[in-house]
Structures are given as C-alpha cells and as structure tokens.
Full PDB file with SEQRES, HELIX, SHEET, SSBOND, CRYST1, ORIGX, SCALE, CONECT and MASTER records, all heavy atoms in Angstrom:
SEQRES   1 A   41  GLU TRP THR ALA ALA ILE ARG ASP PHE ALA ALA ARG LYS          
SEQRES   2 A   41  PHE GLY PHE GLU ARG ASP ALA VAL ALA VAL HIS VAL VAL          
SEQRES   3 A   41  GLN CYS HIS SER ALA PRO SER MET GLY GLN ILE MET LEU          
SEQRES   4 A   41  SER ASP                                                      
HELIX    1 AA1 TRP A    2  PHE A   14  1                                  13    
HELIX    2 AA2 ARG A   18  ALA A   20  5                                   3    
CRYST1    1.000    1.000    1.000  90.00  90.00  90.00 P 1           1          
ORIGX1      1.000000  0.000000  0.000000        0.00000                         
ORIGX2      0.000000  1.000000  0.000000        0.00000                         
ORIGX3      0.000000  0.000000  1.000000        0.00000                         
SCALE1      1.000000  0.000000  0.000000        0.00000                         
SCALE2      0.000000  1.000000  0.000000        0.00000                         
SCALE3      0.000000  0.000000  1.000000        0.00000                         
ATOM      1  N   GLU A   1     -11.947   8.232   6.255  1.00  0.00           N  
ATOM      2  CA  GLU A   1     -12.346   8.361   4.880  1.00  0.00           C  
ATOM      3  C   GLU A   1     -11.479   7.512   3.943  1.00  0.00           C  
ATOM      4  O   GLU A   1     -11.956   6.834   3.009  1.00  0.00           O  
ATOM      5  CB  GLU A   1     -12.300   9.795   4.414  1.00  0.00           C  
ATOM      6  CG  GLU A   1     -13.398  10.681   5.065  1.00  0.00           C  
ATOM      7  CD  GLU A   1     -12.991  11.127   6.497  1.00  0.00           C  
ATOM      8  OE1 GLU A   1     -11.826  10.887   6.906  1.00  0.00           O  
ATOM      9  OE2 GLU A   1     -13.857  11.690   7.207  1.00  0.00           O  
ATOM     10  N   TRP A   2     -10.161   7.509   4.162  1.00  0.00           N  
ATOM     11  CA  TRP A   2      -9.254   6.759   3.279  1.00  0.00           C  
ATOM     12  C   TRP A   2      -9.328   5.259   3.648  1.00  0.00           C  
ATOM     13  O   TRP A   2      -9.189   4.399   2.756  1.00  0.00           O  
ATOM     14  CB  TRP A   2      -7.835   7.279   3.404  1.00  0.00           C  
ATOM     15  CG  TRP A   2      -7.665   8.530   2.571  1.00  0.00           C  
ATOM     16  CD1 TRP A   2      -7.501   9.796   3.006  1.00  0.00           C  
ATOM     17  CD2 TRP A   2      -7.665   8.606   1.170  1.00  0.00           C  
ATOM     18  NE1 TRP A   2      -7.426  10.680   1.951  1.00  0.00           N  
ATOM     19  CE2 TRP A   2      -7.498   9.951   0.799  1.00  0.00           C  
ATOM     20  CE3 TRP A   2      -7.796   7.637   0.132  1.00  0.00           C  
ATOM     21  CZ2 TRP A   2      -7.478  10.380  -0.558  1.00  0.00           C  
ATOM     22  CZ3 TRP A   2      -7.743   8.091  -1.192  1.00  0.00           C  
ATOM     23  CH2 TRP A   2      -7.601   9.427  -1.538  1.00  0.00           C  
ATOM     24  N   THR A   3      -9.544   4.906   4.891  1.00  0.00           N  
ATOM     25  CA  THR A   3      -9.737   3.542   5.211  1.00  0.00           C  
ATOM     26  C   THR A   3     -11.020   2.996   4.518  1.00  0.00           C  
ATOM     27  O   THR A   3     -11.013   1.903   3.997  1.00  0.00           O  
ATOM     28  CB  THR A   3      -9.868   3.330   6.751  1.00  0.00           C  
ATOM     29  OG1 THR A   3      -8.642   3.640   7.359  1.00  0.00           O  
ATOM     30  CG2 THR A   3     -10.225   1.863   7.106  1.00  0.00           C  
ATOM     31  N   ALA A   4     -12.060   3.813   4.548  1.00  0.00           N  
ATOM     32  CA  ALA A   4     -13.295   3.421   3.834  1.00  0.00           C  
ATOM     33  C   ALA A   4     -13.055   3.198   2.356  1.00  0.00           C  
ATOM     34  O   ALA A   4     -13.595   2.284   1.742  1.00  0.00           O  
ATOM     35  CB  ALA A   4     -14.372   4.471   4.073  1.00  0.00           C  
ATOM     36  N   ALA A   5     -12.226   4.067   1.773  1.00  0.00           N  
ATOM     37  CA  ALA A   5     -11.964   3.908   0.331  1.00  0.00           C  
ATOM     38  C   ALA A   5     -11.168   2.596   0.034  1.00  0.00           C  
ATOM     39  O   ALA A   5     -11.451   1.904  -0.915  1.00  0.00           O  
ATOM     40  CB  ALA A   5     -11.075   5.105  -0.135  1.00  0.00           C  
ATOM     41  N   ILE A   6     -10.246   2.252   0.959  1.00  0.00           N  
ATOM     42  CA  ILE A   6      -9.530   0.983   0.776  1.00  0.00           C  
ATOM     43  C   ILE A   6     -10.451  -0.206   0.973  1.00  0.00           C  
ATOM     44  O   ILE A   6     -10.408  -1.170   0.216  1.00  0.00           O  
ATOM     45  CB  ILE A   6      -8.347   0.939   1.759  1.00  0.00           C  
ATOM     46  CG1 ILE A   6      -7.251   1.960   1.349  1.00  0.00           C  
ATOM     47  CG2 ILE A   6      -7.706  -0.457   1.794  1.00  0.00           C  
ATOM     48  CD1 ILE A   6      -6.173   2.156   2.348  1.00  0.00           C  
ATOM     49  N   ARG A   7     -11.303  -0.118   1.952  1.00  0.00           N  
ATOM     50  CA  ARG A   7     -12.247  -1.196   2.228  1.00  0.00           C  
ATOM     51  C   ARG A   7     -13.207  -1.351   1.045  1.00  0.00           C  
ATOM     52  O   ARG A   7     -13.531  -2.444   0.620  1.00  0.00           O  
ATOM     53  CB  ARG A   7     -12.979  -0.954   3.535  1.00  0.00           C  
ATOM     54  CG  ARG A   7     -12.166  -1.227   4.755  1.00  0.00           C  
ATOM     55  CD  ARG A   7     -12.893  -0.762   6.038  1.00  0.00           C  
ATOM     56  NE  ARG A   7     -12.207  -1.315   7.221  1.00  0.00           N  
ATOM     57  CZ  ARG A   7     -12.491  -0.916   8.446  1.00  0.00           C  
ATOM     58  NH1 ARG A   7     -13.473  -0.069   8.680  1.00  0.00           N  
ATOM     59  NH2 ARG A   7     -11.783  -1.413   9.469  1.00  0.00           N  
ATOM     60  N   ASP A   8     -13.716  -0.231   0.540  1.00  0.00           N  
ATOM     61  CA  ASP A   8     -14.645  -0.287  -0.568  1.00  0.00           C  
ATOM     62  C   ASP A   8     -14.004  -0.921  -1.819  1.00  0.00           C  
ATOM     63  O   ASP A   8     -14.605  -1.736  -2.505  1.00  0.00           O  
ATOM     64  CB  ASP A   8     -15.133   1.127  -0.968  1.00  0.00           C  
ATOM     65  CG  ASP A   8     -16.100   1.725   0.097  1.00  0.00           C  
ATOM     66  OD1 ASP A   8     -16.560   0.951   0.936  1.00  0.00           O  
ATOM     67  OD2 ASP A   8     -16.265   2.948   0.065  1.00  0.00           O  
ATOM     68  N   PHE A   9     -12.734  -0.523  -2.070  1.00  0.00           N  
ATOM     69  CA  PHE A   9     -12.064  -1.179  -3.201  1.00  0.00           C  
ATOM     70  C   PHE A   9     -11.852  -2.670  -3.014  1.00  0.00           C  
ATOM     71  O   PHE A   9     -12.123  -3.431  -3.945  1.00  0.00           O  
ATOM     72  CB  PHE A   9     -10.645  -0.472  -3.404  1.00  0.00           C  
ATOM     73  CG  PHE A   9      -9.788  -1.176  -4.402  1.00  0.00           C  
ATOM     74  CD1 PHE A   9      -9.975  -0.958  -5.747  1.00  0.00           C  
ATOM     75  CD2 PHE A   9      -8.775  -2.051  -3.978  1.00  0.00           C  
ATOM     76  CE1 PHE A   9      -9.175  -1.609  -6.679  1.00  0.00           C  
ATOM     77  CE2 PHE A   9      -7.997  -2.723  -4.890  1.00  0.00           C  
ATOM     78  CZ  PHE A   9      -8.196  -2.461  -6.287  1.00  0.00           C  
ATOM     79  N   ALA A  10     -11.386  -3.070  -1.827  1.00  0.00           N  
ATOM     80  CA  ALA A  10     -11.171  -4.482  -1.569  1.00  0.00           C  
ATOM     81  C   ALA A  10     -12.503  -5.320  -1.652  1.00  0.00           C  
ATOM     82  O   ALA A  10     -12.467  -6.430  -2.145  1.00  0.00           O  
ATOM     83  CB  ALA A  10     -10.543  -4.674  -0.196  1.00  0.00           C  
ATOM     84  N   ALA A  11     -13.576  -4.694  -1.236  1.00  0.00           N  
ATOM     85  CA  ALA A  11     -14.890  -5.337  -1.304  1.00  0.00           C  
ATOM     86  C   ALA A  11     -15.377  -5.473  -2.764  1.00  0.00           C  
ATOM     87  O   ALA A  11     -15.837  -6.507  -3.207  1.00  0.00           O  
ATOM     88  CB  ALA A  11     -15.884  -4.615  -0.449  1.00  0.00           C  
ATOM     89  N   ARG A  12     -15.285  -4.364  -3.448  1.00  0.00           N  
ATOM     90  CA  ARG A  12     -15.796  -4.292  -4.828  1.00  0.00           C  
ATOM     91  C   ARG A  12     -14.980  -5.160  -5.784  1.00  0.00           C  
ATOM     92  O   ARG A  12     -15.528  -5.874  -6.590  1.00  0.00           O  
ATOM     93  CB  ARG A  12     -15.780  -2.822  -5.322  1.00  0.00           C  
ATOM     94  CG  ARG A  12     -16.289  -2.616  -6.695  1.00  0.00           C  
ATOM     95  CD  ARG A  12     -16.288  -1.120  -7.051  1.00  0.00           C  
ATOM     96  NE  ARG A  12     -14.957  -0.618  -7.201  1.00  0.00           N  
ATOM     97  CZ  ARG A  12     -14.350   0.182  -6.272  1.00  0.00           C  
ATOM     98  NH1 ARG A  12     -14.993   0.536  -5.230  1.00  0.00           N  
ATOM     99  NH2 ARG A  12     -13.144   0.608  -6.526  1.00  0.00           N  
ATOM    100  N   LYS A  13     -13.648  -5.093  -5.634  1.00  0.00           N  
ATOM    101  CA  LYS A  13     -12.765  -5.781  -6.609  1.00  0.00           C  
ATOM    102  C   LYS A  13     -12.542  -7.246  -6.258  1.00  0.00           C  
ATOM    103  O   LYS A  13     -12.424  -8.073  -7.135  1.00  0.00           O  
ATOM    104  CB  LYS A  13     -11.434  -5.008  -6.673  1.00  0.00           C  
ATOM    105  CG  LYS A  13     -10.484  -5.456  -7.748  1.00  0.00           C  
ATOM    106  CD  LYS A  13     -10.941  -5.015  -9.126  1.00  0.00           C  
ATOM    107  CE  LYS A  13      -9.855  -5.330 -10.151  1.00  0.00           C  
ATOM    108  NZ  LYS A  13     -10.267  -4.946 -11.509  1.00  0.00           N  
ATOM    109  N   PHE A  14     -12.417  -7.550  -4.950  1.00  0.00           N  
ATOM    110  CA  PHE A  14     -11.981  -8.891  -4.587  1.00  0.00           C  
ATOM    111  C   PHE A  14     -12.962  -9.608  -3.651  1.00  0.00           C  
ATOM    112  O   PHE A  14     -12.696 -10.735  -3.187  1.00  0.00           O  
ATOM    113  CB  PHE A  14     -10.607  -8.845  -3.963  1.00  0.00           C  
ATOM    114  CG  PHE A  14      -9.563  -8.244  -4.879  1.00  0.00           C  
ATOM    115  CD1 PHE A  14      -9.074  -6.973  -4.640  1.00  0.00           C  
ATOM    116  CD2 PHE A  14      -9.106  -8.954  -5.956  1.00  0.00           C  
ATOM    117  CE1 PHE A  14      -8.130  -6.414  -5.484  1.00  0.00           C  
ATOM    118  CE2 PHE A  14      -8.177  -8.399  -6.818  1.00  0.00           C  
ATOM    119  CZ  PHE A  14      -7.701  -7.138  -6.575  1.00  0.00           C  
ATOM    120  N   GLY A  15     -14.070  -8.955  -3.323  1.00  0.00           N  
ATOM    121  CA  GLY A  15     -15.121  -9.650  -2.474  1.00  0.00           C  
ATOM    122  C   GLY A  15     -14.852  -9.709  -1.011  1.00  0.00           C  
ATOM    123  O   GLY A  15     -15.520 -10.478  -0.297  1.00  0.00           O  
ATOM    124  N   PHE A  16     -13.871  -8.946  -0.496  1.00  0.00           N  
ATOM    125  CA  PHE A  16     -13.648  -8.930   0.954  1.00  0.00           C  
ATOM    126  C   PHE A  16     -14.843  -8.273   1.674  1.00  0.00           C  
ATOM    127  O   PHE A  16     -15.440  -7.305   1.182  1.00  0.00           O  
ATOM    128  CB  PHE A  16     -12.448  -8.106   1.307  1.00  0.00           C  
ATOM    129  CG  PHE A  16     -11.138  -8.805   0.999  1.00  0.00           C  
ATOM    130  CD1 PHE A  16     -10.445  -8.571  -0.166  1.00  0.00           C  
ATOM    131  CD2 PHE A  16     -10.584  -9.687   1.958  1.00  0.00           C  
ATOM    132  CE1 PHE A  16      -9.258  -9.235  -0.444  1.00  0.00           C  
ATOM    133  CE2 PHE A  16      -9.361 -10.324   1.705  1.00  0.00           C  
ATOM    134  CZ  PHE A  16      -8.728 -10.101   0.508  1.00  0.00           C  
ATOM    135  N   GLU A  17     -15.234  -8.848   2.819  1.00  0.00           N  
ATOM    136  CA  GLU A  17     -16.124  -8.097   3.697  1.00  0.00           C  
ATOM    137  C   GLU A  17     -15.394  -6.857   4.205  1.00  0.00           C  
ATOM    138  O   GLU A  17     -14.205  -6.921   4.534  1.00  0.00           O  
ATOM    139  CB  GLU A  17     -16.605  -8.986   4.870  1.00  0.00           C  
ATOM    140  CG  GLU A  17     -17.488 -10.162   4.440  1.00  0.00           C  
ATOM    141  CD  GLU A  17     -17.989 -10.942   5.572  1.00  0.00           C  
ATOM    142  OE1 GLU A  17     -17.792 -10.466   6.733  1.00  0.00           O  
ATOM    143  OE2 GLU A  17     -18.530 -12.031   5.392  1.00  0.00           O  
ATOM    144  N   ARG A  18     -16.127  -5.753   4.341  1.00  0.00           N  
ATOM    145  CA  ARG A  18     -15.455  -4.519   4.737  1.00  0.00           C  
ATOM    146  C   ARG A  18     -14.828  -4.646   6.151  1.00  0.00           C  
ATOM    147  O   ARG A  18     -13.783  -4.101   6.395  1.00  0.00           O  
ATOM    148  CB  ARG A  18     -16.425  -3.327   4.681  1.00  0.00           C  
ATOM    149  CG  ARG A  18     -16.904  -3.074   3.281  1.00  0.00           C  
ATOM    150  CD  ARG A  18     -17.917  -1.901   3.236  1.00  0.00           C  
ATOM    151  NE  ARG A  18     -17.158  -0.636   3.233  1.00  0.00           N  
ATOM    152  CZ  ARG A  18     -16.948   0.141   4.256  1.00  0.00           C  
ATOM    153  NH1 ARG A  18     -17.406  -0.229   5.444  1.00  0.00           N  
ATOM    154  NH2 ARG A  18     -16.267   1.281   4.126  1.00  0.00           N  
ATOM    155  N   ASP A  19     -15.512  -5.383   7.027  1.00  0.00           N  
ATOM    156  CA  ASP A  19     -14.979  -5.544   8.380  1.00  0.00           C  
ATOM    157  C   ASP A  19     -13.800  -6.516   8.425  1.00  0.00           C  
ATOM    158  O   ASP A  19     -13.193  -6.678   9.485  1.00  0.00           O  
ATOM    159  CB  ASP A  19     -16.061  -6.042   9.333  1.00  0.00           C  
ATOM    160  CG  ASP A  19     -16.973  -4.911   9.817  1.00  0.00           C  
ATOM    161  OD1 ASP A  19     -16.646  -3.750   9.482  1.00  0.00           O  
ATOM    162  OD2 ASP A  19     -17.966  -5.178  10.507  1.00  0.00           O  
ATOM    163  N   ALA A  20     -13.507  -7.137   7.300  1.00  0.00           N  
ATOM    164  CA  ALA A  20     -12.355  -8.023   7.216  1.00  0.00           C  
ATOM    165  C   ALA A  20     -11.140  -7.353   6.603  1.00  0.00           C  
ATOM    166  O   ALA A  20     -10.169  -8.030   6.201  1.00  0.00           O  
ATOM    167  CB  ALA A  20     -12.720  -9.303   6.430  1.00  0.00           C  
ATOM    168  N   VAL A  21     -11.175  -6.053   6.556  1.00  0.00           N  
ATOM    169  CA  VAL A  21     -10.034  -5.240   6.012  1.00  0.00           C  
ATOM    170  C   VAL A  21      -9.568  -4.306   7.106  1.00  0.00           C  
ATOM    171  O   VAL A  21     -10.331  -3.519   7.640  1.00  0.00           O  
ATOM    172  CB  VAL A  21     -10.463  -4.440   4.787  1.00  0.00           C  
ATOM    173  CG1 VAL A  21      -9.282  -3.601   4.257  1.00  0.00           C  
ATOM    174  CG2 VAL A  21     -10.943  -5.386   3.677  1.00  0.00           C  
ATOM    175  N   ALA A  22      -8.279  -4.395   7.477  1.00  0.00           N  
ATOM    176  CA  ALA A  22      -7.692  -3.533   8.493  1.00  0.00           C  
ATOM    177  C   ALA A  22      -6.497  -2.779   7.902  1.00  0.00           C  
ATOM    178  O   ALA A  22      -5.697  -3.375   7.206  1.00  0.00           O  
ATOM    179  CB  ALA A  22      -7.226  -4.386   9.702  1.00  0.00           C  
ATOM    180  N   VAL A  23      -6.394  -1.492   8.201  1.00  0.00           N  
ATOM    181  CA  VAL A  23      -5.393  -0.651   7.671  1.00  0.00           C  
ATOM    182  C   VAL A  23      -4.575  -0.028   8.866  1.00  0.00           C  
ATOM    183  O   VAL A  23      -5.067   0.837   9.566  1.00  0.00           O  
ATOM    184  CB  VAL A  23      -5.934   0.507   6.820  1.00  0.00           C  
ATOM    185  CG1 VAL A  23      -4.768   1.286   6.139  1.00  0.00           C  
ATOM    186  CG2 VAL A  23      -6.882  -0.064   5.735  1.00  0.00           C  
ATOM    187  N   HIS A  24      -3.381  -0.554   9.016  1.00  0.00           N  
ATOM    188  CA  HIS A  24      -2.487  -0.104  10.078  1.00  0.00           C  
ATOM    189  C   HIS A  24      -1.412   0.827   9.525  1.00  0.00           C  
ATOM    190  O   HIS A  24      -0.858   0.601   8.447  1.00  0.00           O  
ATOM    191  CB  HIS A  24      -1.805  -1.303  10.748  1.00  0.00           C  
ATOM    192  CG  HIS A  24      -0.706  -0.967  11.716  1.00  0.00           C  
ATOM    193  ND1 HIS A  24      -0.882  -0.184  12.849  1.00  0.00           N  
ATOM    194  CD2 HIS A  24       0.635  -1.273  11.686  1.00  0.00           C  
ATOM    195  CE1 HIS A  24       0.229  -0.043  13.477  1.00  0.00           C  
ATOM    196  NE2 HIS A  24       1.185  -0.691  12.795  1.00  0.00           N  
ATOM    197  N   VAL A  25      -1.134   1.928  10.217  1.00  0.00           N  
ATOM    198  CA  VAL A  25       0.022   2.744   9.865  1.00  0.00           C  
ATOM    199  C   VAL A  25       1.023   2.732  11.048  1.00  0.00           C  
ATOM    200  O   VAL A  25       0.586   2.649  12.208  1.00  0.00           O  
ATOM    201  CB  VAL A  25      -0.396   4.199   9.553  1.00  0.00           C  
ATOM    202  CG1 VAL A  25      -1.237   4.293   8.303  1.00  0.00           C  
ATOM    203  CG2 VAL A  25      -1.073   4.859  10.712  1.00  0.00           C  
ATOM    204  N   VAL A  26       2.288   2.751  10.719  1.00  0.00           N  
ATOM    205  CA  VAL A  26       3.289   2.605  11.799  1.00  0.00           C  
ATOM    206  C   VAL A  26       3.602   3.883  12.489  1.00  0.00           C  
ATOM    207  O   VAL A  26       4.379   3.916  13.416  1.00  0.00           O  
ATOM    208  CB  VAL A  26       4.609   2.005  11.207  1.00  0.00           C  
ATOM    209  CG1 VAL A  26       4.386   0.612  10.646  1.00  0.00           C  
ATOM    210  CG2 VAL A  26       5.235   2.980  10.180  1.00  0.00           C  
ATOM    211  N   GLN A  27       2.943   4.986  12.111  1.00  0.00           N  
ATOM    212  CA  GLN A  27       3.031   6.295  12.723  1.00  0.00           C  
ATOM    213  C   GLN A  27       4.411   6.919  12.585  1.00  0.00           C  
ATOM    214  O   GLN A  27       4.969   7.478  13.543  1.00  0.00           O  
ATOM    215  CB  GLN A  27       2.650   6.203  14.220  1.00  0.00           C  
ATOM    216  CG  GLN A  27       2.216   7.550  14.806  1.00  0.00           C  
ATOM    217  CD  GLN A  27       2.112   7.544  16.338  1.00  0.00           C  
ATOM    218  OE1 GLN A  27       2.304   6.471  16.984  1.00  0.00           O  
ATOM    219  NE2 GLN A  27       1.792   8.671  16.878  1.00  0.00           N  
ATOM    220  N   CYS A  28       4.943   6.826  11.398  1.00  0.00           N  
ATOM    221  CA  CYS A  28       6.279   7.380  11.110  1.00  0.00           C  
ATOM    222  C   CYS A  28       6.126   8.908  10.983  1.00  0.00           C  
ATOM    223  O   CYS A  28       5.421   9.414  10.132  1.00  0.00           O  
ATOM    224  CB  CYS A  28       6.790   6.775   9.829  1.00  0.00           C  
ATOM    225  SG  CYS A  28       8.375   7.424   9.359  1.00  0.00           S  
ATOM    226  N   HIS A  29       6.889   9.696  11.772  1.00  0.00           N  
ATOM    227  CA  HIS A  29       6.829  11.128  11.817  1.00  0.00           C  
ATOM    228  C   HIS A  29       7.729  11.771  10.756  1.00  0.00           C  
ATOM    229  O   HIS A  29       7.901  13.020  10.773  1.00  0.00           O  
ATOM    230  CB  HIS A  29       7.189  11.662  13.224  1.00  0.00           C  
ATOM    231  CG  HIS A  29       6.071  11.537  14.195  1.00  0.00           C  
ATOM    232  ND1 HIS A  29       5.532  10.337  14.568  1.00  0.00           N  
ATOM    233  CD2 HIS A  29       5.383  12.507  14.878  1.00  0.00           C  
ATOM    234  CE1 HIS A  29       4.590  10.545  15.433  1.00  0.00           C  
ATOM    235  NE2 HIS A  29       4.467  11.847  15.646  1.00  0.00           N  
ATOM    236  N   SER A  30       8.288  11.007   9.852  1.00  0.00           N  
ATOM    237  CA  SER A  30       8.955  11.565   8.704  1.00  0.00           C  
ATOM    238  C   SER A  30       8.332  11.040   7.411  1.00  0.00           C  
ATOM    239  O   SER A  30       9.020  10.649   6.446  1.00  0.00           O  
ATOM    240  CB  SER A  30      10.466  11.168   8.747  1.00  0.00           C  
ATOM    241  OG  SER A  30      11.108  11.827   9.799  1.00  0.00           O  
ATOM    242  N   ALA A  31       7.016  11.081   7.404  1.00  0.00           N  
ATOM    243  CA  ALA A  31       6.239  10.587   6.279  1.00  0.00           C  
ATOM    244  C   ALA A  31       4.914  11.374   6.239  1.00  0.00           C  
ATOM    245  O   ALA A  31       4.502  12.031   7.207  1.00  0.00           O  
ATOM    246  CB  ALA A  31       5.927   9.073   6.503  1.00  0.00           C  
ATOM    247  N   PRO A  32       4.201  11.319   5.103  1.00  0.00           N  
ATOM    248  CA  PRO A  32       2.924  11.986   5.002  1.00  0.00           C  
ATOM    249  C   PRO A  32       1.796  11.208   5.734  1.00  0.00           C  
ATOM    250  O   PRO A  32       2.047  10.112   6.262  1.00  0.00           O  
ATOM    251  CB  PRO A  32       2.640  12.020   3.484  1.00  0.00           C  
ATOM    252  CG  PRO A  32       3.926  11.592   2.822  1.00  0.00           C  
ATOM    253  CD  PRO A  32       4.661  10.760   3.820  1.00  0.00           C  
ATOM    254  N   SER A  33       0.628  11.792   5.695  1.00  0.00           N  
ATOM    255  CA  SER A  33      -0.586  11.129   6.154  1.00  0.00           C  
ATOM    256  C   SER A  33      -1.548  10.975   5.029  1.00  0.00           C  
ATOM    257  O   SER A  33      -1.544  11.734   4.089  1.00  0.00           O  
ATOM    258  CB  SER A  33      -1.287  11.947   7.263  1.00  0.00           C  
ATOM    259  OG  SER A  33      -0.469  12.026   8.401  1.00  0.00           O  
ATOM    260  N   MET A  34      -2.420   9.964   5.122  1.00  0.00           N  
ATOM    261  CA  MET A  34      -3.563   9.852   4.152  1.00  0.00           C  
ATOM    262  C   MET A  34      -4.759  10.476   4.875  1.00  0.00           C  
ATOM    263  O   MET A  34      -5.394   9.844   5.703  1.00  0.00           O  
ATOM    264  CB  MET A  34      -3.783   8.411   3.781  1.00  0.00           C  
ATOM    265  CG  MET A  34      -2.699   7.823   2.844  1.00  0.00           C  
ATOM    266  SD  MET A  34      -3.061   6.141   2.341  1.00  0.00           S  
ATOM    267  CE  MET A  34      -4.412   6.401   1.184  1.00  0.00           C  
ATOM    268  N   GLY A  35      -5.083  11.705   4.496  1.00  0.00           N  
ATOM    269  CA  GLY A  35      -6.185  12.387   5.163  1.00  0.00           C  
ATOM    270  C   GLY A  35      -5.762  13.504   6.063  1.00  0.00           C  
ATOM    271  O   GLY A  35      -4.613  13.586   6.524  1.00  0.00           O  
ATOM    272  N   GLN A  36      -6.746  14.340   6.385  1.00  0.00           N  
ATOM    273  CA  GLN A  36      -6.544  15.544   7.152  1.00  0.00           C  
ATOM    274  C   GLN A  36      -6.689  15.275   8.638  1.00  0.00           C  
ATOM    275  O   GLN A  36      -7.726  14.975   9.122  1.00  0.00           O  
ATOM    276  CB  GLN A  36      -7.649  16.533   6.686  1.00  0.00           C  
ATOM    277  CG  GLN A  36      -7.364  17.989   6.936  1.00  0.00           C  
ATOM    278  CD  GLN A  36      -8.259  18.857   6.142  1.00  0.00           C  
ATOM    279  OE1 GLN A  36      -8.514  18.612   4.966  1.00  0.00           O  
ATOM    280  NE2 GLN A  36      -8.857  19.855   6.789  1.00  0.00           N  
ATOM    281  N   ILE A  37      -5.554  15.389   9.396  1.00  0.00           N  
ATOM    282  CA  ILE A  37      -5.566  14.941  10.780  1.00  0.00           C  
ATOM    283  C   ILE A  37      -5.397  16.068  11.780  1.00  0.00           C  
ATOM    284  O   ILE A  37      -5.583  15.841  12.988  1.00  0.00           O  
ATOM    285  CB  ILE A  37      -4.464  13.870  11.064  1.00  0.00           C  
ATOM    286  CG1 ILE A  37      -3.084  14.500  10.859  1.00  0.00           C  
ATOM    287  CG2 ILE A  37      -4.655  12.661  10.155  1.00  0.00           C  
ATOM    288  CD1 ILE A  37      -1.947  13.666  11.348  1.00  0.00           C  
ATOM    289  N   MET A  38      -5.070  17.275  11.343  1.00  0.00           N  
ATOM    290  CA  MET A  38      -4.786  18.330  12.320  1.00  0.00           C  
ATOM    291  C   MET A  38      -5.969  19.320  12.448  1.00  0.00           C  
ATOM    292  O   MET A  38      -6.662  19.284  13.455  1.00  0.00           O  
ATOM    293  CB  MET A  38      -3.515  19.123  11.888  1.00  0.00           C  
ATOM    294  CG  MET A  38      -2.241  18.347  12.023  1.00  0.00           C  
ATOM    295  SD  MET A  38      -1.816  18.035  13.751  1.00  0.00           S  
ATOM    296  CE  MET A  38      -0.191  17.275  13.534  1.00  0.00           C  
ATOM    297  N   LEU A  39      -6.179  20.118  11.432  1.00  0.00           N  
ATOM    298  CA  LEU A  39      -7.231  21.166  11.522  1.00  0.00           C  
ATOM    299  C   LEU A  39      -8.195  21.035  10.361  1.00  0.00           C  
ATOM    300  O   LEU A  39      -7.853  20.553   9.269  1.00  0.00           O  
ATOM    301  CB  LEU A  39      -6.561  22.568  11.555  1.00  0.00           C  
ATOM    302  CG  LEU A  39      -5.615  22.848  12.684  1.00  0.00           C  
ATOM    303  CD1 LEU A  39      -5.012  24.209  12.548  1.00  0.00           C  
ATOM    304  CD2 LEU A  39      -6.291  22.713  14.054  1.00  0.00           C  
ATOM    305  N   SER A  40      -9.372  21.518  10.547  1.00  0.00           N  
ATOM    306  CA  SER A  40     -10.404  21.516   9.493  1.00  0.00           C  
ATOM    307  C   SER A  40     -10.262  22.656   8.534  1.00  0.00           C  
ATOM    308  O   SER A  40      -9.437  23.543   8.754  1.00  0.00           O  
ATOM    309  CB  SER A  40     -11.824  21.492  10.147  1.00  0.00           C  
ATOM    310  OG  SER A  40     -12.113  22.777  10.621  1.00  0.00           O  
ATOM    311  N   ASP A  41     -11.129  22.705   7.563  1.00  0.00           N  
ATOM    312  CA  ASP A  41     -11.098  23.780   6.545  1.00  0.00           C  
ATOM    313  C   ASP A  41     -11.831  25.008   7.017  1.00  0.00           C  
ATOM    314  O   ASP A  41     -11.945  25.950   6.228  1.00  0.00           O  
ATOM    315  CB  ASP A  41     -11.709  23.272   5.244  1.00  0.00           C  
ATOM    316  CG  ASP A  41     -10.834  22.226   4.551  1.00  0.00           C  
ATOM    317  OD1 ASP A  41      -9.617  22.267   4.771  1.00  0.00           O  
ATOM    318  OD2 ASP A  41     -11.353  21.367   3.822  1.00  0.00           O  
TER     319      ASP A  41                                                      
MASTER        0    0    0    2    0    0    0    6  318    1    0    4          
END                                                                             
C-alpha cells in the first residue's frame, strides 16, 4: 500500500511509470515500518 502511494506520487508529480519506481528497505530492526506487517485488525 505504501509502495503504491510512492509510485502514484512519482507518476502524478514527475511522470515516472509506476513500474519504473522501486522502494527498497534495508530491514533495520531498530526502526519503524511503513505499513502493517504483523497482524491484521
């Protein structure tokens, strides 16, 4: 969901194709996450 939000912004604002946007996280375990990764509501 958050990757989609970043891709949508890059496409809307700067004309990137959505498949030309990649979002990598380094998996740092002393940092937050963007989005719900453990359990649902």
